[in-house]
Amino acid sequence: MKANNLSETQKFNNSDRPASKACNLSETQKFNNSDRPAKNEAGEILCRVYYALKEKNYHPVNQIVGYILSGDPTYITSHKNARALISKLERDELLEEIVYFYLRENLPK
């Protein structure tokens, strides 16, 4: 069995990211997702998926977290088209909606 060496690892990393996009740890990157659906669409889809999971007696929060972490759509039931609905969104869109909602509800006004 051939052991991985540093040059193979570097080659893999370089193919993942163009040279112009190298990480600069002294600066904060901006995340811009201008192509995403409206926040209310992501929220609506999350709610519909939640209720579909609940109706099938799954623990909705655990299932949605499993999907967000893994990207595996089988964490989401196909009941009421929930799997197809959640697949319309990128996982970062779901996470953004969850963080936005949490902060909006919990930060002092």
PDB file of N, CA and C in Angstrom:
ATOM      1  N   MET A   1       0.837  -1.173   0.000  1.00  0.00           N
ATOM      2  CA  MET A   1       0.000   0.000   0.000  1.00  0.00           C
ATOM      3  C   MET A   1       0.887   1.243   0.000  1.00  0.00           C
ATOM      4  N   LYS A   2       0.613   2.163  -0.908  1.00  0.00           N
ATOM      5  CA  LYS A   2       1.425   3.365  -1.043  1.00  0.00           C
ATOM      6  C   LYS A   2       0.954   4.425  -0.038  1.00  0.00           C
ATOM      7  N   ALA A   3       1.865   4.987   0.694  1.00  0.00           N
ATOM      8  CA  ALA A   3       1.532   6.038   1.663  1.00  0.00           C
ATOM      9  C   ALA A   3       1.411   7.372   0.937  1.00  0.00           C
ATOM     10  N   ASN A   4       0.486   8.213   1.408  1.00  0.00           N
ATOM     11  CA  ASN A   4       0.355   9.556   0.839  1.00  0.00           C
ATOM     12  C   ASN A   4       1.550  10.391   1.243  1.00  0.00           C
ATOM     13  N   ASN A   5       2.006  11.224   0.317  1.00  0.00           N
ATOM     14  CA  ASN A   5       3.091  12.135   0.676  1.00  0.00           C
ATOM     15  C   ASN A   5       2.600  13.569   0.546  1.00  0.00           C
ATOM     16  N   LEU A   6       3.408  14.504   1.010  1.00  0.00           N
ATOM     17  CA  LEU A   6       3.005  15.905   1.060  1.00  0.00           C
ATOM     18  C   LEU A   6       2.699  16.465  -0.326  1.00  0.00           C
ATOM     19  N   SER A   7       3.474  16.087  -1.331  1.00  0.00           N
ATOM     20  CA  SER A   7       3.232  16.637  -2.666  1.00  0.00           C
ATOM     21  C   SER A   7       1.883  16.202  -3.216  1.00  0.00           C
ATOM     22  N   GLU A   8       1.440  14.965  -2.927  1.00  0.00           N
ATOM     23  CA  GLU A   8       0.112  14.533  -3.364  1.00  0.00           C
ATOM     24  C   GLU A   8      -0.974  15.337  -2.663  1.00  0.00           C
ATOM     25  N   THR A   9      -0.797  15.617  -1.404  1.00  0.00           N
ATOM     26  CA  THR A   9      -1.758  16.420  -0.665  1.00  0.00           C
ATOM     27  C   THR A   9      -1.810  17.832  -1.236  1.00  0.00           C
ATOM     28  N   GLN A  10      -0.670  18.421  -1.520  1.00  0.00           N
ATOM     29  CA  GLN A  10      -0.643  19.766  -2.079  1.00  0.00           C
ATOM     30  C   GLN A  10      -1.305  19.789  -3.459  1.00  0.00           C
ATOM     31  N   LYS A  11      -1.064  18.780  -4.261  1.00  0.00           N
ATOM     32  CA  LYS A  11      -1.677  18.722  -5.585  1.00  0.00           C
ATOM     33  C   LYS A  11      -3.196  18.694  -5.443  1.00  0.00           C
ATOM     34  N   PHE A  12      -3.703  17.898  -4.509  1.00  0.00           N
ATOM     35  CA  PHE A  12      -5.140  17.813  -4.274  1.00  0.00           C
ATOM     36  C   PHE A  12      -5.697  19.173  -3.859  1.00  0.00           C
ATOM     37  N   ASN A  13      -5.033  19.847  -2.938  1.00  0.00           N
ATOM     38  CA  ASN A  13      -5.505  21.145  -2.472  1.00  0.00           C
ATOM     39  C   ASN A  13      -5.489  22.173  -3.588  1.00  0.00           C
ATOM     40  N   ASN A  14      -4.454  22.157  -4.407  1.00  0.00           N
ATOM     41  CA  ASN A  14      -4.370  23.127  -5.496  1.00  0.00           C
ATOM     42  C   ASN A  14      -5.451  22.903  -6.535  1.00  0.00           C
ATOM     43  N   SER A  15      -5.857  21.671  -6.746  1.00  0.00           N
ATOM     44  CA  SER A  15      -6.913  21.425  -7.721  1.00  0.00           C
ATOM     45  C   SER A  15      -8.274  21.798  -7.164  1.00  0.00           C
ATOM     46  N   ASP A  16      -8.402  21.843  -5.852  1.00  0.00           N
ATOM     47  CA  ASP A  16      -9.655  22.239  -5.225  1.00  0.00           C
ATOM     48  C   ASP A  16      -9.928  23.731  -5.347  1.00  0.00           C
ATOM     49  N   ARG A  17      -8.873  24.525  -5.291  1.00  0.00           N
ATOM     50  CA  ARG A  17      -9.048  25.959  -5.203  1.00  0.00           C
ATOM     51  C   ARG A  17      -8.080  26.645  -6.155  1.00  0.00           C
ATOM     52  N   PRO A  18      -8.567  27.569  -6.969  1.00  0.00           N
ATOM     53  CA  PRO A  18      -7.651  28.304  -7.848  1.00  0.00           C
ATOM     54  C   PRO A  18      -6.615  29.062  -7.025  1.00  0.00           C
ATOM     55  N   ALA A  19      -5.448  29.260  -7.600  1.00  0.00           N
ATOM     56  CA  ALA A  19      -4.357  29.937  -6.889  1.00  0.00           C
ATOM     57  C   ALA A  19      -4.769  31.324  -6.427  1.00  0.00           C
ATOM     58  N   SER A  20      -5.596  32.036  -7.195  1.00  0.00           N
ATOM     59  CA  SER A  20      -6.006  33.380  -6.816  1.00  0.00           C
ATOM     60  C   SER A  20      -6.922  33.397  -5.604  1.00  0.00           C
ATOM     61  N   LYS A  21      -7.480  32.251  -5.232  1.00  0.00           N
ATOM     62  CA  LYS A  21      -8.402  32.173  -4.105  1.00  0.00           C
ATOM     63  C   LYS A  21      -7.731  31.604  -2.861  1.00  0.00           C
ATOM     64  N   ALA A  22      -6.426  31.670  -2.776  1.00  0.00           N
ATOM     65  CA  ALA A  22      -5.718  31.129  -1.625  1.00  0.00           C
ATOM     66  C   ALA A  22      -6.197  31.821  -0.352  1.00  0.00           C
ATOM     67  N   CYS A  23      -6.230  31.072   0.746  1.00  0.00           N
ATOM     68  CA  CYS A  23      -6.683  31.611   2.028  1.00  0.00           C
ATOM     69  C   CYS A  23      -5.703  32.634   2.561  1.00  0.00           C
ATOM     70  N   ASN A  24      -6.244  33.750   2.984  1.00  0.00           N
ATOM     71  CA  ASN A  24      -5.460  34.754   3.678  1.00  0.00           C
ATOM     72  C   ASN A  24      -6.051  34.827   5.081  1.00  0.00           C
ATOM     73  N   LEU A  25      -5.345  34.246   6.042  1.00  0.00           N
ATOM     74  CA  LEU A  25      -5.891  34.147   7.384  1.00  0.00           C
ATOM     75  C   LEU A  25      -5.914  35.470   8.133  1.00  0.00           C
ATOM     76  N   SER A  26      -5.327  36.508   7.569  1.00  0.00           N
ATOM     77  CA  SER A  26      -5.345  37.804   8.242  1.00  0.00           C
ATOM     78  C   SER A  26      -6.562  38.638   7.855  1.00  0.00           C
ATOM     79  N   GLU A  27      -7.357  38.164   6.890  1.00  0.00           N
ATOM     80  CA  GLU A  27      -8.544  38.891   6.456  1.00  0.00           C
ATOM     81  C   GLU A  27      -9.781  38.024   6.587  1.00  0.00           C
ATOM     82  N   THR A  28     -10.903  38.655   6.866  1.00  0.00           N
ATOM     83  CA  THR A  28     -12.168  37.952   6.959  1.00  0.00           C
ATOM     84  C   THR A  28     -12.794  37.877   5.573  1.00  0.00           C
ATOM     85  N   GLN A  29     -13.230  36.693   5.187  1.00  0.00           N
ATOM     86  CA  GLN A  29     -13.895  36.533   3.899  1.00  0.00           C
ATOM     87  C   GLN A  29     -15.354  36.950   4.030  1.00  0.00           C
ATOM     88  N   LYS A  30     -15.917  37.454   2.953  1.00  0.00           N
ATOM     89  CA  LYS A  30     -17.337  37.758   2.913  1.00  0.00           C
ATOM     90  C   LYS A  30     -18.040  36.619   2.203  1.00  0.00           C
ATOM     91  N   PHE A  31     -19.173  36.207   2.759  1.00  0.00           N
ATOM     92  CA  PHE A  31     -19.989  35.178   2.133  1.00  0.00           C
ATOM     93  C   PHE A  31     -21.137  35.877   1.446  1.00  0.00           C
ATOM     94  N   ASN A  32     -21.230  35.710   0.136  1.00  0.00           N
ATOM     95  CA  ASN A  32     -22.284  36.346  -0.628  1.00  0.00           C
ATOM     96  C   ASN A  32     -23.023  35.276  -1.400  1.00  0.00           C
ATOM     97  N   ASN A  33     -24.274  35.158  -1.109  1.00  0.00           N
ATOM     98  CA  ASN A  33     -25.086  34.157  -1.772  1.00  0.00           C
ATOM     99  C   ASN A  33     -26.265  34.867  -2.425  1.00  0.00           C
ATOM    100  N   SER A  34     -25.989  35.665  -3.426  1.00  0.00           N
ATOM    101  CA  SER A  34     -27.023  36.481  -4.052  1.00  0.00           C
ATOM    102  C   SER A  34     -27.979  35.674  -4.931  1.00  0.00           C
ATOM    103  N   ASP A  35     -27.603  34.442  -5.281  1.00  0.00           N
ATOM    104  CA  ASP A  35     -28.469  33.621  -6.127  1.00  0.00           C
ATOM    105  C   ASP A  35     -29.495  32.822  -5.331  1.00  0.00           C
ATOM    106  N   ARG A  36     -29.478  32.947  -4.018  1.00  0.00           N
ATOM    107  CA  ARG A  36     -30.346  32.116  -3.189  1.00  0.00           C
ATOM    108  C   ARG A  36     -31.795  32.576  -3.264  1.00  0.00           C
ATOM    109  N   PRO A  37     -32.730  31.674  -3.021  1.00  0.00           N
ATOM    110  CA  PRO A  37     -34.136  32.074  -2.960  1.00  0.00           C
ATOM    111  C   PRO A  37     -34.375  33.026  -1.784  1.00  0.00           C
ATOM    112  N   ALA A  38     -35.493  33.696  -1.806  1.00  0.00           N
ATOM    113  CA  ALA A  38     -35.819  34.615  -0.724  1.00  0.00           C
ATOM    114  C   ALA A  38     -35.846  33.874   0.607  1.00  0.00           C
ATOM    115  N   LYS A  39     -35.491  34.596   1.680  1.00  0.00           N
ATOM    116  CA  LYS A  39     -35.458  33.990   3.013  1.00  0.00           C
ATOM    117  C   LYS A  39     -36.783  33.328   3.361  1.00  0.00           C
ATOM    118  N   ASN A  40     -37.888  33.947   3.003  1.00  0.00           N
ATOM    119  CA  ASN A  40     -39.180  33.367   3.356  1.00  0.00           C
ATOM    120  C   ASN A  40     -39.418  32.051   2.626  1.00  0.00           C
ATOM    121  N   GLU A  41     -38.841  31.866   1.445  1.00  0.00           N
ATOM    122  CA  GLU A  41     -38.987  30.592   0.741  1.00  0.00           C
ATOM    123  C   GLU A  41     -38.239  29.490   1.480  1.00  0.00           C
ATOM    124  N   ALA A  42     -37.020  29.773   1.923  1.00  0.00           N
ATOM    125  CA  ALA A  42     -36.250  28.780   2.674  1.00  0.00           C
ATOM    126  C   ALA A  42     -36.975  28.439   3.973  1.00  0.00           C
ATOM    127  N   GLY A  43     -37.487  29.451   4.656  1.00  0.00           N
ATOM    128  CA  GLY A  43     -38.223  29.222   5.896  1.00  0.00           C
ATOM    129  C   GLY A  43     -39.476  28.401   5.674  1.00  0.00           C
ATOM    130  N   GLU A  44     -40.185  28.708   4.598  1.00  0.00           N
ATOM    131  CA  GLU A  44     -41.404  27.962   4.276  1.00  0.00           C
ATOM    132  C   GLU A  44     -41.081  26.497   3.984  1.00  0.00           C
ATOM    133  N   ILE A  45     -40.023  26.263   3.227  1.00  0.00           N
ATOM    134  CA  ILE A  45     -39.623  24.883   2.916  1.00  0.00           C
ATOM    135  C   ILE A  45     -39.215  24.149   4.191  1.00  0.00           C
ATOM    136  N   LEU A  46     -38.451  24.803   5.051  1.00  0.00           N
ATOM    137  CA  LEU A  46     -38.068  24.175   6.323  1.00  0.00           C
ATOM    138  C   LEU A  46     -39.296  23.781   7.132  1.00  0.00           C
ATOM    139  N   CYS A  47     -40.282  24.658   7.191  1.00  0.00           N
ATOM    140  CA  CYS A  47     -41.507  24.354   7.946  1.00  0.00           C
ATOM    141  C   CYS A  47     -42.267  23.177   7.334  1.00  0.00           C
ATOM    142  N   ARG A  48     -42.387  23.168   6.028  1.00  0.00           N
ATOM    143  CA  ARG A  48     -43.103  22.066   5.368  1.00  0.00           C
ATOM    144  C   ARG A  48     -42.389  20.738   5.578  1.00  0.00           C
ATOM    145  N   VAL A  49     -41.062  20.759   5.497  1.00  0.00           N
ATOM    146  CA  VAL A  49     -40.275  19.543   5.728  1.00  0.00           C
ATOM    147  C   VAL A  49     -40.427  19.096   7.180  1.00  0.00           C
ATOM    148  N   TYR A  50     -40.391  20.050   8.101  1.00  0.00           N
ATOM    149  CA  TYR A  50     -40.559  19.745   9.521  1.00  0.00           C
ATOM    150  C   TYR A  50     -41.883  19.001   9.760  1.00  0.00           C
ATOM    151  N   TYR A  51     -42.976  19.546   9.236  1.00  0.00           N
ATOM    152  CA  TYR A  51     -44.284  18.927   9.461  1.00  0.00           C
ATOM    153  C   TYR A  51     -44.410  17.571   8.778  1.00  0.00           C
ATOM    154  N   ALA A  52     -43.801  17.413   7.614  1.00  0.00           N
ATOM    155  CA  ALA A  52     -43.824  16.113   6.939  1.00  0.00           C
ATOM    156  C   ALA A  52     -43.076  15.067   7.770  1.00  0.00           C
ATOM    157  N   LEU A  53     -41.930  15.449   8.320  1.00  0.00           N
ATOM    158  CA  LEU A  53     -41.170  14.530   9.178  1.00  0.00           C
ATOM    159  C   LEU A  53     -41.955  14.196  10.437  1.00  0.00           C
ATOM    160  N   LYS A  54     -42.592  15.199  11.022  1.00  0.00           N
ATOM    161  CA  LYS A  54     -43.377  15.014  12.244  1.00  0.00           C
ATOM    162  C   LYS A  54     -44.529  14.047  11.992  1.00  0.00           C
ATOM    163  N   GLU A  55     -45.201  14.200  10.851  1.00  0.00           N
ATOM    164  CA  GLU A  55     -46.325  13.319  10.515  1.00  0.00           C
ATOM    165  C   GLU A  55     -45.887  11.860  10.382  1.00  0.00           C
ATOM    166  N   LYS A  56     -44.646  11.641   9.978  1.00  0.00           N
ATOM    167  CA  LYS A  56     -44.131  10.274   9.826  1.00  0.00           C
ATOM    168  C   LYS A  56     -43.434   9.783  11.095  1.00  0.00           C
ATOM    169  N   ASN A  57     -43.589  10.540  12.191  1.00  0.00           N
ATOM    170  CA  ASN A  57     -43.042  10.189  13.511  1.00  0.00           C
ATOM    171  C   ASN A  57     -41.523  10.156  13.577  1.00  0.00           C
ATOM    172  N   TYR A  58     -40.878  10.998  12.790  1.00  0.00           N
ATOM    173  CA  TYR A  58     -39.435  11.193  12.907  1.00  0.00           C
ATOM    174  C   TYR A  58     -39.197  12.360  13.859  1.00  0.00           C
ATOM    175  N   HIS A  59     -37.991  12.467  14.381  1.00  0.00           N
ATOM    176  CA  HIS A  59     -37.610  13.642  15.164  1.00  0.00           C
ATOM    177  C   HIS A  59     -37.109  14.667  14.144  1.00  0.00           C
ATOM    178  N   PRO A  60     -37.942  15.659  13.789  1.00  0.00           N
ATOM    179  CA  PRO A  60     -37.613  16.568  12.684  1.00  0.00           C
ATOM    180  C   PRO A  60     -36.280  17.294  12.821  1.00  0.00           C
ATOM    181  N   VAL A  61     -35.962  17.781  14.017  1.00  0.00           N
ATOM    182  CA  VAL A  61     -34.714  18.531  14.192  1.00  0.00           C
ATOM    183  C   VAL A  61     -33.520  17.628  13.909  1.00  0.00           C
ATOM    184  N   ASN A  62     -33.525  16.419  14.462  1.00  0.00           N
ATOM    185  CA  ASN A  62     -32.417  15.487  14.225  1.00  0.00           C
ATOM    186  C   ASN A  62     -32.275  15.156  12.742  1.00  0.00           C
ATOM    187  N   GLN A  63     -33.389  14.942  12.073  1.00  0.00           N
ATOM    188  CA  GLN A  63     -33.349  14.581  10.658  1.00  0.00           C
ATOM    189  C   GLN A  63     -32.824  15.734   9.797  1.00  0.00           C
ATOM    190  N   ILE A  64     -33.277  16.946  10.094  1.00  0.00           N
ATOM    191  CA  ILE A  64     -32.828  18.108   9.324  1.00  0.00           C
ATOM    192  C   ILE A  64     -31.348  18.367   9.573  1.00  0.00           C
ATOM    193  N   VAL A  65     -30.911  18.248  10.819  1.00  0.00           N
ATOM    194  CA  VAL A  65     -29.488  18.416  11.132  1.00  0.00           C
ATOM    195  C   VAL A  65     -28.667  17.355  10.403  1.00  0.00           C
ATOM    196  N   GLY A  66     -29.135  16.115  10.402  1.00  0.00           N
ATOM    197  CA  GLY A  66     -28.435  15.052   9.677  1.00  0.00           C
ATOM    198  C   GLY A  66     -28.290  15.380   8.203  1.00  0.00           C
ATOM    199  N   TYR A  67     -29.349  15.921   7.615  1.00  0.00           N
ATOM    200  CA  TYR A  67     -29.305  16.306   6.205  1.00  0.00           C
ATOM    201  C   TYR A  67     -28.322  17.451   5.973  1.00  0.00           C
ATOM    202  N   ILE A  68     -28.377  18.469   6.816  1.00  0.00           N
ATOM    203  CA  ILE A  68     -27.492  19.628   6.628  1.00  0.00           C
ATOM    204  C   ILE A  68     -26.029  19.219   6.767  1.00  0.00           C
ATOM    205  N   LEU A  69     -25.723  18.375   7.749  1.00  0.00           N
ATOM    206  CA  LEU A  69     -24.334  17.968   7.967  1.00  0.00           C
ATOM    207  C   LEU A  69     -23.807  17.037   6.887  1.00  0.00           C
ATOM    208  N   SER A  70     -24.653  16.136   6.403  1.00  0.00           N
ATOM    209  CA  SER A  70     -24.165  15.112   5.477  1.00  0.00           C
ATOM    210  C   SER A  70     -24.483  15.396   4.013  1.00  0.00           C
ATOM    211  N   GLY A  71     -25.572  16.090   3.762  1.00  0.00           N
ATOM    212  CA  GLY A  71     -26.025  16.281   2.386  1.00  0.00           C
ATOM    213  C   GLY A  71     -26.781  15.082   1.848  1.00  0.00           C
ATOM    214  N   ASP A  72     -26.994  14.079   2.693  1.00  0.00           N
ATOM    215  CA  ASP A  72     -27.684  12.858   2.275  1.00  0.00           C
ATOM    216  C   ASP A  72     -29.197  13.081   2.327  1.00  0.00           C
ATOM    217  N   PRO A  73     -29.878  13.112   1.176  1.00  0.00           N
ATOM    218  CA  PRO A  73     -31.311  13.410   1.159  1.00  0.00           C
ATOM    219  C   PRO A  73     -32.169  12.334   1.816  1.00  0.00           C
ATOM    220  N   THR A  74     -31.605  11.157   2.086  1.00  0.00           N
ATOM    221  CA  THR A  74     -32.421  10.115   2.715  1.00  0.00           C
ATOM    222  C   THR A  74     -32.726  10.416   4.179  1.00  0.00           C
ATOM    223  N   TYR A  75     -32.137  11.455   4.744  1.00  0.00           N
ATOM    224  CA  TYR A  75     -32.530  11.891   6.083  1.00  0.00           C
ATOM    225  C   TYR A  75     -33.917  12.528   6.068  1.00  0.00           C
ATOM    226  N   ILE A  76     -34.371  12.923   4.893  1.00  0.00           N
ATOM    227  CA  ILE A  76     -35.657  13.602   4.746  1.00  0.00           C
ATOM    228  C   ILE A  76     -36.646  12.660   4.070  1.00  0.00           C
ATOM    229  N   THR A  77     -37.829  12.567   4.648  1.00  0.00           N
ATOM    230  CA  THR A  77     -38.868  11.708   4.100  1.00  0.00           C
ATOM    231  C   THR A  77     -39.342  12.228   2.735  1.00  0.00           C
ATOM    232  N   SER A  78     -39.839  11.319   1.931  1.00  0.00           N
ATOM    233  CA  SER A  78     -40.433  11.746   0.662  1.00  0.00           C
ATOM    234  C   SER A  78     -41.920  12.079   0.849  1.00  0.00           C
ATOM    235  N   HIS A  79     -42.442  11.833   2.039  1.00  0.00           N
ATOM    236  CA  HIS A  79     -43.829  12.159   2.380  1.00  0.00           C
ATOM    237  C   HIS A  79     -44.090  13.638   2.094  1.00  0.00           C
ATOM    238  N   LYS A  80     -45.186  13.902   1.424  1.00  0.00           N
ATOM    239  CA  LYS A  80     -45.586  15.272   1.058  1.00  0.00           C
ATOM    240  C   LYS A  80     -44.515  15.997   0.255  1.00  0.00           C
ATOM    241  N   ASN A  81     -43.720  15.234  -0.486  1.00  0.00           N
ATOM    242  CA  ASN A  81     -42.705  15.793  -1.382  1.00  0.00           C
ATOM    243  C   ASN A  81     -41.604  16.564  -0.637  1.00  0.00           C
ATOM    244  N   ALA A  82     -41.404  16.241   0.652  1.00  0.00           N
ATOM    245  CA  ALA A  82     -40.449  16.986   1.481  1.00  0.00           C
ATOM    246  C   ALA A  82     -39.026  16.864   0.961  1.00  0.00           C
ATOM    247  N   ARG A  83     -38.643  15.684   0.507  1.00  0.00           N
ATOM    248  CA  ARG A  83     -37.270  15.492   0.013  1.00  0.00           C
ATOM    249  C   ARG A  83     -37.013  16.341  -1.224  1.00  0.00           C
ATOM    250  N   ALA A  84     -37.961  16.386  -2.127  1.00  0.00           N
ATOM    251  CA  ALA A  84     -37.800  17.196  -3.339  1.00  0.00           C
ATOM    252  C   ALA A  84     -37.775  18.689  -2.989  1.00  0.00           C
ATOM    253  N   LEU A  85     -38.597  19.078  -2.032  1.00  0.00           N
ATOM    254  CA  LEU A  85     -38.625  20.489  -1.624  1.00  0.00           C
ATOM    255  C   LEU A  85     -37.287  20.926  -1.045  1.00  0.00           C
ATOM    256  N   ILE A  86     -36.762  20.140  -0.107  1.00  0.00           N
ATOM    257  CA  ILE A  86     -35.518  20.540   0.554  1.00  0.00           C
ATOM    258  C   ILE A  86     -34.347  20.498  -0.425  1.00  0.00           C
ATOM    259  N   SER A  87     -34.456  19.663  -1.439  1.00  0.00           N
ATOM    260  CA  SER A  87     -33.391  19.568  -2.443  1.00  0.00           C
ATOM    261  C   SER A  87     -33.339  20.797  -3.351  1.00  0.00           C
ATOM    262  N   LYS A  88     -34.377  21.607  -3.331  1.00  0.00           N
ATOM    263  CA  LYS A  88     -34.374  22.849  -4.109  1.00  0.00           C
ATOM    264  C   LYS A  88     -33.407  23.871  -3.531  1.00  0.00           C
ATOM    265  N   LEU A  89     -33.061  23.702  -2.256  1.00  0.00           N
ATOM    266  CA  LEU A  89     -32.197  24.660  -1.568  1.00  0.00           C
ATOM    267  C   LEU A  89     -30.821  24.060  -1.345  1.00  0.00           C
ATOM    268  N   GLU A  90     -29.823  24.905  -1.339  1.00  0.00           N
ATOM    269  CA  GLU A  90     -28.482  24.490  -0.947  1.00  0.00           C
ATOM    270  C   GLU A  90     -28.457  24.394   0.574  1.00  0.00           C
ATOM    271  N   ARG A  91     -27.608  23.532   1.101  1.00  0.00           N
ATOM    272  CA  ARG A  91     -27.532  23.379   2.553  1.00  0.00           C
ATOM    273  C   ARG A  91     -27.104  24.670   3.239  1.00  0.00           C
ATOM    274  N   ASP A  92     -26.244  25.462   2.601  1.00  0.00           N
ATOM    275  CA  ASP A  92     -25.848  26.727   3.216  1.00  0.00           C
ATOM    276  C   ASP A  92     -27.025  27.694   3.301  1.00  0.00           C
ATOM    277  N   GLU A  93     -27.976  27.581   2.375  1.00  0.00           N
ATOM    278  CA  GLU A  93     -29.169  28.421   2.435  1.00  0.00           C
ATOM    279  C   GLU A  93     -30.019  28.051   3.648  1.00  0.00           C
ATOM    280  N   LEU A  94     -30.134  26.759   3.900  1.00  0.00           N
ATOM    281  CA  LEU A  94     -30.881  26.308   5.070  1.00  0.00           C
ATOM    282  C   LEU A  94     -30.220  26.790   6.354  1.00  0.00           C
ATOM    283  N   LEU A  95     -28.918  26.636   6.415  1.00  0.00           N
ATOM    284  CA  LEU A  95     -28.180  27.065   7.593  1.00  0.00           C
ATOM    285  C   LEU A  95     -28.295  28.570   7.789  1.00  0.00           C
ATOM    286  N   GLU A  96     -28.213  29.317   6.704  1.00  0.00           N
ATOM    287  CA  GLU A  96     -28.350  30.774   6.793  1.00  0.00           C
ATOM    288  C   GLU A  96     -29.717  31.160   7.341  1.00  0.00           C
ATOM    289  N   GLU A  97     -30.757  30.497   6.874  1.00  0.00           N
ATOM    290  CA  GLU A  97     -32.111  30.798   7.347  1.00  0.00           C
ATOM    291  C   GLU A  97     -32.250  30.474   8.833  1.00  0.00           C
ATOM    292  N   ILE A  98     -31.678  29.366   9.265  1.00  0.00           N
ATOM    293  CA  ILE A  98     -31.758  28.967  10.676  1.00  0.00           C
ATOM    294  C   ILE A  98     -31.015  29.972  11.555  1.00  0.00           C
ATOM    295  N   VAL A  99     -29.813  30.352  11.155  1.00  0.00           N
ATOM    296  CA  VAL A  99     -29.028  31.321  11.937  1.00  0.00           C
ATOM    297  C   VAL A  99     -29.740  32.668  11.958  1.00  0.00           C
ATOM    298  N   TYR A 100     -30.229  33.106  10.816  1.00  0.00           N
ATOM    299  CA  TYR A 100     -30.946  34.385  10.734  1.00  0.00           C
ATOM    300  C   TYR A 100     -32.140  34.395  11.681  1.00  0.00           C
ATOM    301  N   PHE A 101     -32.931  33.342  11.642  1.00  0.00           N
ATOM    302  CA  PHE A 101     -34.119  33.257  12.492  1.00  0.00           C
ATOM    303  C   PHE A 101     -33.728  33.253  13.968  1.00  0.00           C
ATOM    304  N   TYR A 102     -32.734  32.456  14.315  1.00  0.00           N
ATOM    305  CA  TYR A 102     -32.300  32.369  15.705  1.00  0.00           C
ATOM    306  C   TYR A 102     -31.841  33.729  16.220  1.00  0.00           C
ATOM    307  N   LEU A 103     -31.011  34.399  15.455  1.00  0.00           N
ATOM    308  CA  LEU A 103     -30.512  35.706  15.887  1.00  0.00           C
ATOM    309  C   LEU A 103     -31.626  36.743  15.956  1.00  0.00           C
ATOM    310  N   ARG A 104     -32.516  36.727  14.984  1.00  0.00           N
ATOM    311  CA  ARG A 104     -33.618  37.679  14.970  1.00  0.00           C
ATOM    312  C   ARG A 104     -34.511  37.501  16.208  1.00  0.00           C
ATOM    313  N   GLU A 105     -34.693  36.261  16.626  1.00  0.00           N
ATOM    314  CA  GLU A 105     -35.554  35.987  17.770  1.00  0.00           C
ATOM    315  C   GLU A 105     -34.868  36.139  19.120  1.00  0.00           C
ATOM    316  N   ASN A 106     -33.544  36.077  19.151  1.00  0.00           N
ATOM    317  CA  ASN A 106     -32.845  36.031  20.437  1.00  0.00           C
ATOM    318  C   ASN A 106     -31.967  37.217  20.772  1.00  0.00           C
ATOM    319  N   LEU A 107     -31.666  38.048  19.798  1.00  0.00           N
ATOM    320  CA  LEU A 107     -30.872  39.237  20.107  1.00  0.00           C
ATOM    321  C   LEU A 107     -31.749  40.303  20.732  1.00  0.00           C
ATOM    322  N   PRO A 108     -31.199  41.073  21.672  1.00  0.00           N
ATOM    323  CA  PRO A 108     -31.997  42.156  22.261  1.00  0.00           C
ATOM    324  C   PRO A 108     -32.406  43.168  21.180  1.00  0.00           C
ATOM    325  N   LYS A 109     -33.573  43.673  21.332  1.00  0.00           N
ATOM    326  CA  LYS A 109     -34.093  44.610  20.321  1.00  0.00           C
ATOM    327  C   LYS A 109     -33.915  46.039  20.748  1.00  0.00           C
TER     328      LYS A 109
END
